[in-house]
């Protein structure tokens, strides 16, 4: 099996275990407030991805024709849109900064 199918199966198993736990807890004599707290802990929502502000995004066009939303690293472009010469210049700049520190 591939890694993605294994992770999907594990997530499905995890969800079924959580559902079984919730059913068993509901059968117990627990007040609603405590039950809601337990459900919230078991069904914790996923963390949303970080939002990069527009002024810190690359903004160049990708191959699909969409705007690039990767974080800017050097000269208002992202690492993917730098030329090889600019990448070398960026590396040298970072090396000199690290030496100063």
C-alpha atoms as a PDB file:
ATOM      1  CA  UNK A   1       0.000   0.000   0.000  1.00  0.00           C
ATOM      2  CA  UNK A   2       1.106   3.526  -0.645  1.00  0.00           C
ATOM      3  CA  UNK A   3       1.682   6.077   2.065  1.00  0.00           C
ATOM      4  CA  UNK A   4      -1.448   8.082   1.202  1.00  0.00           C
ATOM      5  CA  UNK A   5      -3.776   5.084   1.339  1.00  0.00           C
ATOM      6  CA  UNK A   6      -2.290   4.021   4.676  1.00  0.00           C
ATOM      7  CA  UNK A   7      -2.760   7.516   6.119  1.00  0.00           C
ATOM      8  CA  UNK A   8      -6.356   7.626   4.829  1.00  0.00           C
ATOM      9  CA  UNK A   9      -7.102   4.241   6.429  1.00  0.00           C
ATOM     10  CA  UNK A  10      -5.556   5.387   9.715  1.00  0.00           C
ATOM     11  CA  UNK A  11      -7.636   8.580   9.703  1.00  0.00           C
ATOM     12  CA  UNK A  12     -10.780   6.518   9.043  1.00  0.00           C
ATOM     13  CA  UNK A  13      -9.886   4.165  11.896  1.00  0.00           C
ATOM     14  CA  UNK A  14      -9.197   7.116  14.198  1.00  0.00           C
ATOM     15  CA  UNK A  15     -12.575   8.681  13.345  1.00  0.00           C
ATOM     16  CA  UNK A  16     -14.421   5.418  14.012  1.00  0.00           C
ATOM     17  CA  UNK A  17     -12.666   5.060  17.384  1.00  0.00           C
ATOM     18  CA  UNK A  18     -13.679   8.631  18.293  1.00  0.00           C
ATOM     19  CA  UNK A  19     -17.274   7.912  17.272  1.00  0.00           C
ATOM     20  CA  UNK A  20     -17.314   4.738  19.403  1.00  0.00           C
ATOM     21  CA  UNK A  21     -15.939   6.667  22.371  1.00  0.00           C
ATOM     22  CA  UNK A  22     -18.590   9.354  21.988  1.00  0.00           C
ATOM     23  CA  UNK A  23     -21.353   6.727  21.849  1.00  0.00           C
ATOM     24  CA  UNK A  24     -20.044   5.019  25.001  1.00  0.00           C
ATOM     25  CA  UNK A  25     -19.732   8.343  26.820  1.00  0.00           C
ATOM     26  CA  UNK A  26     -23.307   9.291  25.853  1.00  0.00           C
ATOM     27  CA  UNK A  27     -24.539   6.066  27.469  1.00  0.00           C
ATOM     28  CA  UNK A  28     -23.001   7.143  30.773  1.00  0.00           C
ATOM     29  CA  UNK A  29     -24.852   9.488  33.113  1.00  0.00           C
ATOM     30  CA  UNK A  30     -22.988  12.758  32.380  1.00  0.00           C
ATOM     31  CA  UNK A  31     -24.393  16.287  32.223  1.00  0.00           C
ATOM     32  CA  UNK A  32     -24.558  18.088  28.863  1.00  0.00           C
ATOM     33  CA  UNK A  33     -21.768  20.605  29.563  1.00  0.00           C
ATOM     34  CA  UNK A  34     -19.227  17.902  30.326  1.00  0.00           C
ATOM     35  CA  UNK A  35     -20.394  15.878  27.319  1.00  0.00           C
ATOM     36  CA  UNK A  36     -19.936  18.883  25.000  1.00  0.00           C
ATOM     37  CA  UNK A  37     -16.425  19.476  26.347  1.00  0.00           C
ATOM     38  CA  UNK A  38     -15.498  15.842  25.702  1.00  0.00           C
ATOM     39  CA  UNK A  39     -16.897  15.980  22.150  1.00  0.00           C
ATOM     40  CA  UNK A  40     -14.956  19.182  21.447  1.00  0.00           C
ATOM     41  CA  UNK A  41     -11.718  17.576  22.616  1.00  0.00           C
ATOM     42  CA  UNK A  42     -12.287  14.429  20.552  1.00  0.00           C
ATOM     43  CA  UNK A  43     -13.412  16.263  17.400  1.00  0.00           C
ATOM     44  CA  UNK A  44     -10.712  18.924  17.408  1.00  0.00           C
ATOM     45  CA  UNK A  45     -10.797  20.916  14.138  1.00  0.00           C
ATOM     46  CA  UNK A  46      -7.731  21.058  11.905  1.00  0.00           C
ATOM     47  CA  UNK A  47      -5.465  24.079  12.066  1.00  0.00           C
ATOM     48  CA  UNK A  48      -5.957  26.511   9.208  1.00  0.00           C
ATOM     49  CA  UNK A  49      -2.907  27.256   7.045  1.00  0.00           C
ATOM     50  CA  UNK A  50      -1.140  30.548   7.770  1.00  0.00           C
ATOM     51  CA  UNK A  51      -2.202  33.547   5.705  1.00  0.00           C
ATOM     52  CA  UNK A  52       0.609  35.441   3.979  1.00  0.00           C
ATOM     53  CA  UNK A  53      -0.110  39.185   3.625  1.00  0.00           C
ATOM     54  CA  UNK A  54      -0.312  40.517   0.050  1.00  0.00           C
ATOM     55  CA  UNK A  55       2.765  42.739   0.461  1.00  0.00           C
ATOM     56  CA  UNK A  56       4.853  39.677   1.410  1.00  0.00           C
ATOM     57  CA  UNK A  57       3.679  37.505  -1.525  1.00  0.00           C
ATOM     58  CA  UNK A  58       5.674  37.051  -4.727  1.00  0.00           C
ATOM     59  CA  UNK A  59       2.957  38.131  -7.169  1.00  0.00           C
ATOM     60  CA  UNK A  60       4.570  36.816 -10.357  1.00  0.00           C
ATOM     61  CA  UNK A  61       2.584  34.565 -12.678  1.00  0.00           C
ATOM     62  CA  UNK A  62       2.884  30.791 -12.377  1.00  0.00           C
ATOM     63  CA  UNK A  63       2.806  28.312 -15.272  1.00  0.00           C
ATOM     64  CA  UNK A  64      -0.951  27.934 -14.766  1.00  0.00           C
ATOM     65  CA  UNK A  65      -1.402  31.686 -15.180  1.00  0.00           C
ATOM     66  CA  UNK A  66      -2.307  32.282 -11.536  1.00  0.00           C
ATOM     67  CA  UNK A  67      -0.605  34.709  -9.173  1.00  0.00           C
ATOM     68  CA  UNK A  68       2.210  33.184  -7.110  1.00  0.00           C
ATOM     69  CA  UNK A  69       1.367  33.309  -3.391  1.00  0.00           C
ATOM     70  CA  UNK A  70       4.702  32.094  -1.983  1.00  0.00           C
ATOM     71  CA  UNK A  71       6.531  34.293   0.536  1.00  0.00           C
ATOM     72  CA  UNK A  72       9.001  36.815  -0.887  1.00  0.00           C
ATOM     73  CA  UNK A  73      12.640  36.081  -0.083  1.00  0.00           C
ATOM     74  CA  UNK A  74      14.835  38.345  -2.235  1.00  0.00           C
ATOM     75  CA  UNK A  75      14.233  41.315  -4.563  1.00  0.00           C
ATOM     76  CA  UNK A  76      10.422  40.997  -4.324  1.00  0.00           C
ATOM     77  CA  UNK A  77      10.398  37.439  -5.738  1.00  0.00           C
ATOM     78  CA  UNK A  78      10.128  33.992  -4.232  1.00  0.00           C
ATOM     79  CA  UNK A  79      12.813  31.322  -4.365  1.00  0.00           C
ATOM     80  CA  UNK A  80      11.060  29.527  -7.249  1.00  0.00           C
ATOM     81  CA  UNK A  81      11.166  32.590  -9.530  1.00  0.00           C
ATOM     82  CA  UNK A  82      14.794  33.582  -8.867  1.00  0.00           C
ATOM     83  CA  UNK A  83      17.332  32.995 -11.621  1.00  0.00           C
ATOM     84  CA  UNK A  84      20.427  30.919 -10.857  1.00  0.00           C
ATOM     85  CA  UNK A  85      22.569  34.068 -10.633  1.00  0.00           C
ATOM     86  CA  UNK A  86      20.137  35.641  -8.169  1.00  0.00           C
ATOM     87  CA  UNK A  87      20.065  32.436  -6.113  1.00  0.00           C
ATOM     88  CA  UNK A  88      23.875  32.449  -5.840  1.00  0.00           C
ATOM     89  CA  UNK A  89      23.854  36.141  -4.915  1.00  0.00           C
ATOM     90  CA  UNK A  90      21.222  35.439  -2.239  1.00  0.00           C
ATOM     91  CA  UNK A  91      23.302  32.557  -0.822  1.00  0.00           C
ATOM     92  CA  UNK A  92      26.420  34.737  -0.639  1.00  0.00           C
ATOM     93  CA  UNK A  93      24.443  37.497   1.064  1.00  0.00           C
ATOM     94  CA  UNK A  94      23.154  35.049   3.691  1.00  0.00           C
ATOM     95  CA  UNK A  95      26.651  33.630   4.261  1.00  0.00           C
ATOM     96  CA  UNK A  96      28.015  37.117   4.931  1.00  0.00           C
ATOM     97  CA  UNK A  97      25.165  37.821   7.364  1.00  0.00           C
ATOM     98  CA  UNK A  98      25.841  34.578   9.241  1.00  0.00           C
ATOM     99  CA  UNK A  99      29.544  35.427   9.513  1.00  0.00           C
ATOM    100  CA  UNK A 100      28.692  38.821  11.041  1.00  0.00           C
ATOM    101  CA  UNK A 101      26.500  37.195  13.670  1.00  0.00           C
END
